[in-house]
N, C-alpha and C. Protein backbone atom coordinates (compact mmCIF):
# COMPACT_ATOMS: atom_id res chain seq x y z
N UNK A 1 -2.75 8.40 -50.66
CA UNK A 1 -2.91 7.14 -51.45
C UNK A 1 -2.89 7.45 -52.99
N UNK A 2 -4.04 7.63 -53.48
CA UNK A 2 -4.26 7.93 -54.94
C UNK A 2 -4.47 9.41 -55.17
N UNK A 3 -3.77 10.03 -56.08
CA UNK A 3 -4.05 11.35 -56.35
C UNK A 3 -4.95 11.53 -57.67
N UNK A 4 -5.90 12.39 -57.62
CA UNK A 4 -6.76 12.54 -58.75
C UNK A 4 -5.80 13.37 -59.85
N UNK A 5 -5.50 12.78 -60.95
CA UNK A 5 -4.85 13.43 -61.95
C UNK A 5 -5.66 13.61 -63.14
N UNK A 6 -5.77 14.89 -63.59
CA UNK A 6 -6.58 15.06 -64.70
C UNK A 6 -5.89 14.71 -66.06
N UNK A 7 -6.56 13.83 -66.90
CA UNK A 7 -5.95 13.39 -68.09
C UNK A 7 -5.30 14.60 -68.81
N UNK A 8 -4.02 14.31 -69.37
CA UNK A 8 -3.42 15.32 -70.14
C UNK A 8 -3.87 15.17 -71.61
N UNK A 9 -4.58 15.98 -72.09
CA UNK A 9 -4.97 15.86 -73.58
C UNK A 9 -3.87 16.73 -74.36
N UNK A 10 -3.68 16.24 -75.59
CA UNK A 10 -2.76 17.10 -76.33
C UNK A 10 -3.45 18.40 -76.74
N UNK A 11 -2.78 19.47 -76.56
CA UNK A 11 -3.17 20.82 -76.55
C UNK A 11 -3.28 21.17 -78.00
N UNK A 12 -2.25 20.74 -78.76
CA UNK A 12 -2.22 21.01 -80.22
C UNK A 12 -2.40 19.59 -80.92
N UNK A 13 -2.79 19.67 -82.17
CA UNK A 13 -2.93 18.48 -82.96
C UNK A 13 -1.60 18.09 -83.66
N UNK A 14 -0.54 18.78 -83.21
CA UNK A 14 0.78 18.40 -83.88
C UNK A 14 1.32 17.01 -83.29
N UNK A 15 0.80 16.62 -82.12
CA UNK A 15 1.28 15.36 -81.51
C UNK A 15 0.80 14.14 -82.43
N UNK A 16 1.93 13.35 -82.89
CA UNK A 16 1.50 12.28 -83.79
C UNK A 16 0.90 11.10 -82.94
N UNK A 17 0.28 10.21 -83.74
CA UNK A 17 -0.27 9.04 -83.14
C UNK A 17 0.74 8.13 -82.37
N UNK A 18 1.94 8.18 -82.92
CA UNK A 18 3.06 7.33 -82.23
C UNK A 18 3.39 8.06 -80.82
N UNK A 19 3.48 9.40 -80.88
CA UNK A 19 3.85 10.03 -79.55
C UNK A 19 2.64 9.90 -78.59
N UNK A 20 1.42 9.92 -79.02
CA UNK A 20 0.32 9.63 -78.21
C UNK A 20 0.31 8.26 -77.65
N UNK A 21 0.61 7.33 -78.45
CA UNK A 21 0.64 5.92 -78.11
C UNK A 21 1.79 5.63 -76.93
N UNK A 22 2.94 6.30 -77.33
CA UNK A 22 4.05 6.22 -76.32
C UNK A 22 3.69 6.79 -74.96
N UNK A 23 2.97 7.94 -74.99
CA UNK A 23 2.76 8.57 -73.84
C UNK A 23 1.72 7.86 -72.99
N UNK A 24 0.64 7.22 -73.60
CA UNK A 24 -0.38 6.51 -73.07
C UNK A 24 0.16 5.22 -72.44
N UNK A 25 1.08 4.57 -73.21
CA UNK A 25 1.75 3.33 -72.76
C UNK A 25 2.61 3.65 -71.42
N UNK A 26 3.26 4.71 -71.36
CA UNK A 26 3.98 5.15 -70.23
C UNK A 26 3.05 5.40 -69.00
N UNK A 27 1.94 6.02 -69.28
CA UNK A 27 0.98 6.29 -68.15
C UNK A 27 0.39 5.00 -67.63
N UNK A 28 0.05 4.05 -68.63
CA UNK A 28 -0.57 2.83 -68.19
C UNK A 28 0.43 2.02 -67.45
N UNK A 29 1.88 1.89 -67.78
CA UNK A 29 2.80 1.25 -67.00
C UNK A 29 2.83 1.88 -65.63
N UNK A 30 2.82 3.15 -65.33
CA UNK A 30 2.90 3.79 -64.08
C UNK A 30 1.73 3.42 -63.29
N UNK A 31 0.59 3.49 -63.85
CA UNK A 31 -0.60 3.25 -63.12
C UNK A 31 -0.68 1.75 -62.70
N UNK A 32 -0.22 0.74 -63.61
CA UNK A 32 -0.14 -0.58 -63.19
C UNK A 32 0.87 -0.87 -62.08
N UNK A 33 1.82 -0.12 -62.02
CA UNK A 33 2.80 -0.23 -60.85
C UNK A 33 2.38 0.22 -59.49
N UNK A 34 1.55 1.30 -59.60
CA UNK A 34 1.06 1.94 -58.44
C UNK A 34 -0.39 1.48 -58.06
N UNK A 35 -0.99 0.61 -58.86
CA UNK A 35 -2.38 0.26 -58.57
C UNK A 35 -2.47 -0.68 -57.41
N UNK A 36 -3.37 -0.45 -56.42
CA UNK A 36 -3.56 -1.32 -55.25
C UNK A 36 -4.90 -1.90 -55.45
N UNK A 37 -5.05 -3.21 -55.36
CA UNK A 37 -6.37 -3.95 -55.38
C UNK A 37 -7.15 -3.59 -54.11
N UNK A 38 -8.36 -3.14 -54.34
CA UNK A 38 -9.12 -3.07 -53.15
C UNK A 38 -10.21 -4.03 -53.08
N UNK A 39 -10.45 -4.76 -54.05
CA UNK A 39 -11.47 -5.83 -54.15
C UNK A 39 -10.78 -7.19 -54.30
N UNK A 40 -11.45 -8.29 -53.83
CA UNK A 40 -10.91 -9.59 -53.98
C UNK A 40 -10.55 -9.94 -55.49
N UNK A 41 -9.56 -10.74 -55.67
CA UNK A 41 -9.31 -11.13 -57.10
C UNK A 41 -10.39 -11.93 -57.69
N UNK A 42 -11.09 -12.79 -56.97
CA UNK A 42 -12.20 -13.51 -57.43
C UNK A 42 -13.23 -12.58 -58.10
N UNK A 43 -13.48 -11.38 -57.46
CA UNK A 43 -14.50 -10.45 -57.95
C UNK A 43 -14.00 -9.87 -59.24
N UNK A 44 -12.69 -9.58 -59.29
CA UNK A 44 -12.14 -9.03 -60.61
C UNK A 44 -12.11 -9.95 -61.76
N UNK A 45 -12.03 -11.28 -61.45
CA UNK A 45 -12.05 -12.23 -62.67
C UNK A 45 -13.34 -12.57 -63.26
N UNK A 46 -14.44 -12.02 -62.54
CA UNK A 46 -15.80 -12.33 -63.13
C UNK A 46 -16.12 -11.48 -64.40
């Protein structure tokens, strides 16, 4: 089902803010595509 994936932190400080934003946006899109709701939608909207 879901795999526990440790957050990939930038090892060096060379990564720019734009690269970080692009990487996080890609991860968020991947998570949103694979996310399975386990609770009713009414509960999530509160």
